Amino acid sequence: MEKTPSQKTLKVISIIDIVAGGLCALLALLVIVGGLAGTGSPEIDTETGATLVAAGIVLLIAGILDLIVGILGLRAAKDNQKIMPVWVFAIISLIINVVSFIVSVVKGGAGQNTFSQICSIVIAALIFWVANNVKKEAGK
């Protein structure tokens, strides 16, 4: 069976999302380890270490979510009848990324990681858009 252009696009974006999710999860583990190691050092107070660990956990959840979306996207790129989980997780990912960006801007954190947050929003939006196209093509 010939793949549609939307399925081919979904495959490429899903691979990008898997790589990004893996890097995000790896970075999260480094932040968590740094926060835990920092709490024992005299240069970093306990509150800063706990903040790093909390940020690392949130980053780890985001990375795992990206991995899930990417893996499900690859599966749906092969069989368009399996698009619904990708579509649902893409919506969840998009909402989480937009809310995270808004919270960051409201707290005055815009500029520090704005580029990566915008990239995350764009990737989540692309996956949702392409998944929506595949869903329409599959007749769901």
N, C-alpha and C. Protein backbone atom coordinates (compact mmCIF):
# COMPACT_ATOMS: atom_id res chain seq x y z
N MET A 1 0.84 -1.18 0.00
CA MET A 1 0.00 0.00 0.00
C MET A 1 0.89 1.25 0.00
N GLU A 2 0.57 2.16 -0.87
CA GLU A 2 1.34 3.41 -1.00
C GLU A 2 1.02 4.35 0.16
N LYS A 3 2.06 4.92 0.74
CA LYS A 3 1.87 5.87 1.83
C LYS A 3 1.49 7.24 1.26
N THR A 4 0.62 7.92 1.99
CA THR A 4 0.21 9.26 1.57
C THR A 4 1.31 10.25 1.96
N PRO A 5 1.29 11.44 1.37
CA PRO A 5 2.27 12.47 1.78
C PRO A 5 2.19 12.80 3.27
N SER A 6 0.98 12.77 3.81
CA SER A 6 0.82 13.04 5.25
C SER A 6 1.49 11.98 6.10
N GLN A 7 1.40 10.72 5.67
CA GLN A 7 2.06 9.64 6.42
C GLN A 7 3.58 9.78 6.34
N LYS A 8 4.09 10.16 5.17
CA LYS A 8 5.53 10.36 5.02
C LYS A 8 6.00 11.52 5.90
N THR A 9 5.21 12.60 5.92
CA THR A 9 5.55 13.75 6.76
C THR A 9 5.51 13.37 8.23
N LEU A 10 4.49 12.60 8.61
CA LEU A 10 4.37 12.15 9.99
C LEU A 10 5.58 11.32 10.40
N LYS A 11 6.07 10.49 9.51
CA LYS A 11 7.24 9.67 9.81
C LYS A 11 8.47 10.55 10.10
N VAL A 12 8.70 11.56 9.25
CA VAL A 12 9.86 12.44 9.43
C VAL A 12 9.75 13.24 10.73
N ILE A 13 8.57 13.82 10.97
CA ILE A 13 8.39 14.61 12.19
C ILE A 13 8.47 13.73 13.43
N SER A 14 7.97 12.50 13.33
CA SER A 14 8.04 11.58 14.47
C SER A 14 9.48 11.23 14.81
N ILE A 15 10.31 11.04 13.80
CA ILE A 15 11.73 10.76 14.05
C ILE A 15 12.39 11.95 14.74
N ILE A 16 12.08 13.16 14.27
CA ILE A 16 12.61 14.37 14.90
C ILE A 16 12.14 14.45 16.36
N ASP A 17 10.86 14.10 16.59
CA ASP A 17 10.32 14.15 17.94
C ASP A 17 10.96 13.11 18.85
N ILE A 18 11.27 11.94 18.32
CA ILE A 18 11.95 10.91 19.12
C ILE A 18 13.34 11.38 19.52
N VAL A 19 14.06 11.96 18.57
CA VAL A 19 15.41 12.47 18.88
C VAL A 19 15.32 13.59 19.93
N ALA A 20 14.39 14.51 19.71
CA ALA A 20 14.23 15.63 20.66
C ALA A 20 13.81 15.12 22.04
N GLY A 21 12.89 14.15 22.07
CA GLY A 21 12.45 13.59 23.35
C GLY A 21 13.56 12.86 24.08
N GLY A 22 14.38 12.13 23.32
CA GLY A 22 15.53 11.44 23.93
C GLY A 22 16.53 12.42 24.51
N LEU A 23 16.83 13.48 23.77
CA LEU A 23 17.75 14.50 24.27
C LEU A 23 17.17 15.22 25.48
N CYS A 24 15.88 15.49 25.44
CA CYS A 24 15.21 16.15 26.56
C CYS A 24 15.26 15.27 27.82
N ALA A 25 14.99 13.98 27.66
CA ALA A 25 15.04 13.05 28.79
C ALA A 25 16.46 12.94 29.35
N LEU A 26 17.45 12.91 28.47
CA LEU A 26 18.85 12.85 28.91
C LEU A 26 19.23 14.12 29.68
N LEU A 27 18.84 15.26 29.15
CA LEU A 27 19.10 16.53 29.83
C LEU A 27 18.41 16.56 31.18
N ALA A 28 17.17 16.04 31.22
CA ALA A 28 16.42 16.01 32.48
C ALA A 28 17.15 15.19 33.53
N LEU A 29 17.67 14.04 33.13
CA LEU A 29 18.40 13.20 34.09
C LEU A 29 19.64 13.92 34.61
N LEU A 30 20.32 14.66 33.72
CA LEU A 30 21.49 15.43 34.16
C LEU A 30 21.09 16.53 35.14
N VAL A 31 19.96 17.19 34.89
CA VAL A 31 19.49 18.25 35.79
C VAL A 31 19.12 17.65 37.15
N ILE A 32 18.45 16.51 37.13
CA ILE A 32 18.06 15.86 38.39
C ILE A 32 19.29 15.45 39.19
N VAL A 33 20.25 14.83 38.52
CA VAL A 33 21.48 14.42 39.20
C VAL A 33 22.23 15.65 39.72
N GLY A 34 22.28 16.70 38.92
CA GLY A 34 22.93 17.94 39.36
C GLY A 34 22.24 18.54 40.56
N GLY A 35 20.92 18.53 40.55
CA GLY A 35 20.17 19.06 41.69
C GLY A 35 20.38 18.24 42.94
N LEU A 36 20.40 16.92 42.78
CA LEU A 36 20.63 16.05 43.94
C LEU A 36 22.06 16.19 44.46
N ALA A 37 23.01 16.29 43.55
CA ALA A 37 24.41 16.45 43.98
C ALA A 37 24.63 17.83 44.59
N GLY A 38 23.92 18.80 44.07
CA GLY A 38 24.09 20.17 44.55
C GLY A 38 23.55 20.40 45.94
N THR A 39 22.55 19.62 46.34
CA THR A 39 21.97 19.82 47.66
C THR A 39 22.95 19.48 48.77
N GLY A 40 23.94 18.66 48.46
CA GLY A 40 24.92 18.29 49.47
C GLY A 40 26.12 19.21 49.51
N SER A 41 26.24 20.10 48.54
CA SER A 41 27.40 20.98 48.51
C SER A 41 27.11 22.28 49.24
N PRO A 42 28.13 22.89 49.81
CA PRO A 42 27.92 24.14 50.54
C PRO A 42 27.63 25.34 49.63
N GLU A 43 27.96 25.24 48.34
CA GLU A 43 27.74 26.37 47.43
C GLU A 43 26.28 26.50 47.01
N ILE A 44 25.53 25.41 47.03
CA ILE A 44 24.13 25.43 46.58
C ILE A 44 23.24 25.11 47.78
N ASP A 45 22.26 25.99 48.02
CA ASP A 45 21.36 25.74 49.14
C ASP A 45 20.34 24.66 48.76
N THR A 46 19.67 24.15 49.74
CA THR A 46 18.73 23.06 49.55
C THR A 46 17.56 23.46 48.66
N GLU A 47 17.11 24.71 48.78
CA GLU A 47 15.98 25.17 47.97
C GLU A 47 16.33 25.18 46.48
N THR A 48 17.53 25.61 46.14
CA THR A 48 17.95 25.62 44.74
C THR A 48 18.08 24.20 44.21
N GLY A 49 18.64 23.31 45.00
CA GLY A 49 18.75 21.91 44.59
C GLY A 49 17.39 21.27 44.38
N ALA A 50 16.45 21.58 45.28
CA ALA A 50 15.09 21.03 45.14
C ALA A 50 14.41 21.60 43.89
N THR A 51 14.65 22.87 43.60
CA THR A 51 14.09 23.48 42.39
C THR A 51 14.64 22.82 41.14
N LEU A 52 15.94 22.53 41.14
CA LEU A 52 16.55 21.83 40.01
C LEU A 52 15.96 20.44 39.82
N VAL A 53 15.77 19.73 40.92
CA VAL A 53 15.19 18.39 40.83
C VAL A 53 13.76 18.46 40.29
N ALA A 54 12.97 19.41 40.78
CA ALA A 54 11.59 19.57 40.30
C ALA A 54 11.57 19.92 38.82
N ALA A 55 12.43 20.83 38.41
CA ALA A 55 12.51 21.20 36.99
C ALA A 55 12.94 19.99 36.15
N GLY A 56 13.86 19.22 36.67
CA GLY A 56 14.32 18.03 35.97
C GLY A 56 13.21 17.00 35.80
N ILE A 57 12.38 16.85 36.82
CA ILE A 57 11.27 15.90 36.74
C ILE A 57 10.25 16.35 35.68
N VAL A 58 9.95 17.64 35.66
CA VAL A 58 9.03 18.17 34.65
C VAL A 58 9.62 17.97 33.25
N LEU A 59 10.91 18.24 33.11
CA LEU A 59 11.59 18.06 31.83
C LEU A 59 11.60 16.59 31.42
N LEU A 60 11.77 15.70 32.38
CA LEU A 60 11.75 14.26 32.10
C LEU A 60 10.37 13.82 31.60
N ILE A 61 9.33 14.32 32.23
CA ILE A 61 7.96 14.00 31.79
C ILE A 61 7.73 14.50 30.37
N ALA A 62 8.20 15.71 30.07
CA ALA A 62 8.06 16.26 28.72
C ALA A 62 8.82 15.42 27.70
N GLY A 63 10.01 14.98 28.06
CA GLY A 63 10.81 14.15 27.17
C GLY A 63 10.15 12.80 26.90
N ILE A 64 9.61 12.21 27.95
CA ILE A 64 8.92 10.92 27.80
C ILE A 64 7.68 11.09 26.93
N LEU A 65 6.95 12.18 27.13
CA LEU A 65 5.78 12.45 26.31
C LEU A 65 6.17 12.61 24.83
N ASP A 66 7.26 13.31 24.58
CA ASP A 66 7.75 13.45 23.20
C ASP A 66 8.13 12.09 22.61
N LEU A 67 8.77 11.25 23.41
CA LEU A 67 9.11 9.90 22.93
C LEU A 67 7.86 9.09 22.59
N ILE A 68 6.86 9.18 23.43
CA ILE A 68 5.61 8.44 23.19
C ILE A 68 4.95 8.92 21.91
N VAL A 69 4.85 10.26 21.76
CA VAL A 69 4.23 10.82 20.54
C VAL A 69 5.01 10.39 19.30
N GLY A 70 6.33 10.44 19.37
CA GLY A 70 7.15 10.05 18.23
C GLY A 70 7.01 8.58 17.87
N ILE A 71 7.03 7.72 18.87
CA ILE A 71 6.90 6.28 18.62
C ILE A 71 5.51 5.96 18.06
N LEU A 72 4.48 6.55 18.65
CA LEU A 72 3.13 6.32 18.13
C LEU A 72 2.99 6.90 16.72
N GLY A 73 3.67 8.01 16.46
CA GLY A 73 3.65 8.61 15.13
C GLY A 73 4.27 7.70 14.09
N LEU A 74 5.38 7.06 14.44
CA LEU A 74 6.01 6.11 13.51
C LEU A 74 5.07 4.94 13.22
N ARG A 75 4.40 4.47 14.25
CA ARG A 75 3.46 3.36 14.09
C ARG A 75 2.31 3.77 13.17
N ALA A 76 1.79 4.98 13.36
CA ALA A 76 0.67 5.46 12.54
C ALA A 76 1.12 5.79 11.12
N ALA A 77 2.40 6.12 10.94
CA ALA A 77 2.90 6.40 9.60
C ALA A 77 2.90 5.12 8.75
N LYS A 78 3.00 3.98 9.40
CA LYS A 78 2.96 2.70 8.68
C LYS A 78 1.51 2.25 8.43
N ASP A 79 0.65 2.49 9.42
CA ASP A 79 -0.75 2.06 9.34
C ASP A 79 -1.64 3.20 9.80
N ASN A 80 -2.29 3.87 8.85
CA ASN A 80 -3.06 5.06 9.19
C ASN A 80 -4.29 4.77 10.05
N GLN A 81 -4.64 3.52 10.24
CA GLN A 81 -5.75 3.17 11.12
C GLN A 81 -5.38 3.31 12.60
N LYS A 82 -4.09 3.48 12.88
CA LYS A 82 -3.60 3.60 14.26
C LYS A 82 -3.29 5.06 14.61
N ILE A 83 -4.00 6.01 14.01
CA ILE A 83 -3.68 7.42 14.17
C ILE A 83 -4.28 8.04 15.45
N MET A 84 -5.35 7.48 15.98
CA MET A 84 -6.02 8.12 17.12
C MET A 84 -5.14 8.35 18.34
N PRO A 85 -4.32 7.38 18.77
CA PRO A 85 -3.45 7.66 19.92
C PRO A 85 -2.47 8.82 19.66
N VAL A 86 -1.96 8.90 18.43
CA VAL A 86 -1.05 10.00 18.08
C VAL A 86 -1.79 11.31 18.16
N TRP A 87 -2.98 11.34 17.64
CA TRP A 87 -3.79 12.55 17.63
C TRP A 87 -4.07 13.02 19.06
N VAL A 88 -4.44 12.09 19.94
CA VAL A 88 -4.74 12.44 21.34
C VAL A 88 -3.48 12.93 22.06
N PHE A 89 -2.38 12.20 21.92
CA PHE A 89 -1.15 12.60 22.59
C PHE A 89 -0.59 13.90 22.01
N ALA A 90 -0.82 14.14 20.73
CA ALA A 90 -0.37 15.40 20.12
C ALA A 90 -1.13 16.58 20.70
N ILE A 91 -2.42 16.41 20.93
CA ILE A 91 -3.21 17.48 21.57
C ILE A 91 -2.69 17.74 22.97
N ILE A 92 -2.47 16.67 23.73
CA ILE A 92 -1.97 16.81 25.10
C ILE A 92 -0.62 17.51 25.09
N SER A 93 0.27 17.09 24.22
CA SER A 93 1.60 17.68 24.12
C SER A 93 1.52 19.16 23.75
N LEU A 94 0.66 19.48 22.80
CA LEU A 94 0.50 20.88 22.37
C LEU A 94 -0.01 21.74 23.52
N ILE A 95 -1.00 21.25 24.24
CA ILE A 95 -1.55 22.01 25.37
C ILE A 95 -0.49 22.22 26.44
N ILE A 96 0.24 21.17 26.79
CA ILE A 96 1.28 21.28 27.82
C ILE A 96 2.36 22.28 27.40
N ASN A 97 2.77 22.22 26.14
CA ASN A 97 3.82 23.13 25.66
C ASN A 97 3.35 24.58 25.65
N VAL A 98 2.11 24.83 25.23
CA VAL A 98 1.60 26.20 25.21
C VAL A 98 1.44 26.73 26.64
N VAL A 99 0.90 25.91 27.53
CA VAL A 99 0.74 26.35 28.93
C VAL A 99 2.11 26.61 29.56
N SER A 100 3.08 25.75 29.29
CA SER A 100 4.43 25.95 29.82
C SER A 100 5.03 27.25 29.32
N PHE A 101 4.83 27.55 28.04
CA PHE A 101 5.35 28.80 27.48
C PHE A 101 4.68 30.00 28.13
N ILE A 102 3.36 29.95 28.29
CA ILE A 102 2.62 31.06 28.91
C ILE A 102 3.08 31.28 30.34
N VAL A 103 3.23 30.20 31.09
CA VAL A 103 3.70 30.31 32.48
C VAL A 103 5.10 30.92 32.51
N SER A 104 5.95 30.51 31.61
CA SER A 104 7.31 31.04 31.54
C SER A 104 7.31 32.53 31.25
N VAL A 105 6.47 32.96 30.33
CA VAL A 105 6.40 34.39 29.99
C VAL A 105 5.83 35.19 31.15
N VAL A 106 4.78 34.68 31.79
CA VAL A 106 4.16 35.38 32.92
C VAL A 106 5.14 35.53 34.08
N LYS A 107 5.95 34.49 34.31
CA LYS A 107 6.92 34.54 35.41
C LYS A 107 8.16 35.35 35.06
N GLY A 108 8.22 35.84 33.84
CA GLY A 108 9.37 36.64 33.44
C GLY A 108 10.55 35.83 32.97
N GLY A 109 10.34 34.56 32.67
CA GLY A 109 11.43 33.69 32.25
C GLY A 109 11.64 33.66 30.75
N ALA A 110 10.87 34.46 30.02
CA ALA A 110 11.02 34.48 28.57
C ALA A 110 12.41 34.98 28.22
N GLY A 111 13.00 34.35 27.25
CA GLY A 111 14.35 34.73 26.83
C GLY A 111 15.38 33.69 27.21
N GLN A 112 15.17 33.02 28.33
CA GLN A 112 16.13 32.02 28.78
C GLN A 112 16.04 30.75 27.94
N ASN A 113 14.83 30.26 27.77
CA ASN A 113 14.65 29.05 26.98
C ASN A 113 13.50 29.20 25.99
N THR A 114 13.27 30.42 25.58
CA THR A 114 12.15 30.71 24.68
C THR A 114 12.27 29.96 23.36
N PHE A 115 13.47 29.91 22.81
CA PHE A 115 13.66 29.24 21.53
C PHE A 115 13.29 27.77 21.61
N SER A 116 13.73 27.08 22.64
CA SER A 116 13.41 25.66 22.76
C SER A 116 11.93 25.44 23.00
N GLN A 117 11.30 26.35 23.75
CA GLN A 117 9.86 26.22 23.98
C GLN A 117 9.07 26.44 22.69
N ILE A 118 9.49 27.43 21.91
CA ILE A 118 8.81 27.68 20.63
C ILE A 118 9.00 26.50 19.69
N CYS A 119 10.20 25.92 19.68
CA CYS A 119 10.44 24.72 18.86
C CYS A 119 9.54 23.58 19.30
N SER A 120 9.38 23.40 20.58
CA SER A 120 8.51 22.34 21.10
C SER A 120 7.06 22.57 20.68
N ILE A 121 6.62 23.82 20.74
CA ILE A 121 5.25 24.15 20.33
C ILE A 121 5.07 23.87 18.84
N VAL A 122 6.06 24.28 18.04
CA VAL A 122 5.97 24.08 16.59
C VAL A 122 5.94 22.59 16.24
N ILE A 123 6.80 21.80 16.86
CA ILE A 123 6.82 20.36 16.59
C ILE A 123 5.50 19.71 17.01
N ALA A 124 5.00 20.07 18.19
CA ALA A 124 3.73 19.50 18.66
C ALA A 124 2.58 19.91 17.73
N ALA A 125 2.59 21.17 17.29
CA ALA A 125 1.54 21.64 16.38
C ALA A 125 1.62 20.93 15.03
N LEU A 126 2.85 20.73 14.53
CA LEU A 126 3.02 20.02 13.26
C LEU A 126 2.52 18.58 13.35
N ILE A 127 2.87 17.91 14.44
CA ILE A 127 2.42 16.53 14.61
C ILE A 127 0.90 16.48 14.70
N PHE A 128 0.31 17.41 15.44
CA PHE A 128 -1.15 17.44 15.53
C PHE A 128 -1.78 17.68 14.17
N TRP A 129 -1.25 18.64 13.42
CA TRP A 129 -1.79 18.98 12.10
C TRP A 129 -1.69 17.79 11.14
N VAL A 130 -0.50 17.18 11.09
CA VAL A 130 -0.31 16.04 10.19
C VAL A 130 -1.15 14.85 10.65
N ALA A 131 -1.22 14.61 11.96
CA ALA A 131 -2.04 13.51 12.48
C ALA A 131 -3.51 13.76 12.13
N ASN A 132 -3.94 15.00 12.18
CA ASN A 132 -5.31 15.34 11.81
C ASN A 132 -5.55 15.03 10.32
N ASN A 133 -4.56 15.34 9.47
CA ASN A 133 -4.68 15.03 8.05
C ASN A 133 -4.74 13.51 7.81
N VAL A 134 -3.88 12.77 8.50
CA VAL A 134 -3.88 11.31 8.37
C VAL A 134 -5.21 10.75 8.86
N LYS A 135 -5.72 11.33 9.95
CA LYS A 135 -7.01 10.90 10.50
C LYS A 135 -8.12 11.09 9.47
N LYS A 136 -8.13 12.23 8.79
CA LYS A 136 -9.14 12.50 7.76
C LYS A 136 -8.99 11.52 6.60
N GLU A 137 -7.74 11.24 6.21
CA GLU A 137 -7.50 10.30 5.11
C GLU A 137 -7.95 8.89 5.47
N ALA A 138 -7.80 8.54 6.74
CA ALA A 138 -8.19 7.20 7.19
C ALA A 138 -9.70 7.09 7.36
N GLY A 139 -10.37 8.23 7.33
CA GLY A 139 -11.84 8.22 7.46
C GLY A 139 -12.33 8.06 8.87
N LYS A 140 -11.50 8.50 9.84
CA LYS A 140 -11.89 8.39 11.25
C LYS A 140 -12.49 9.68 11.73
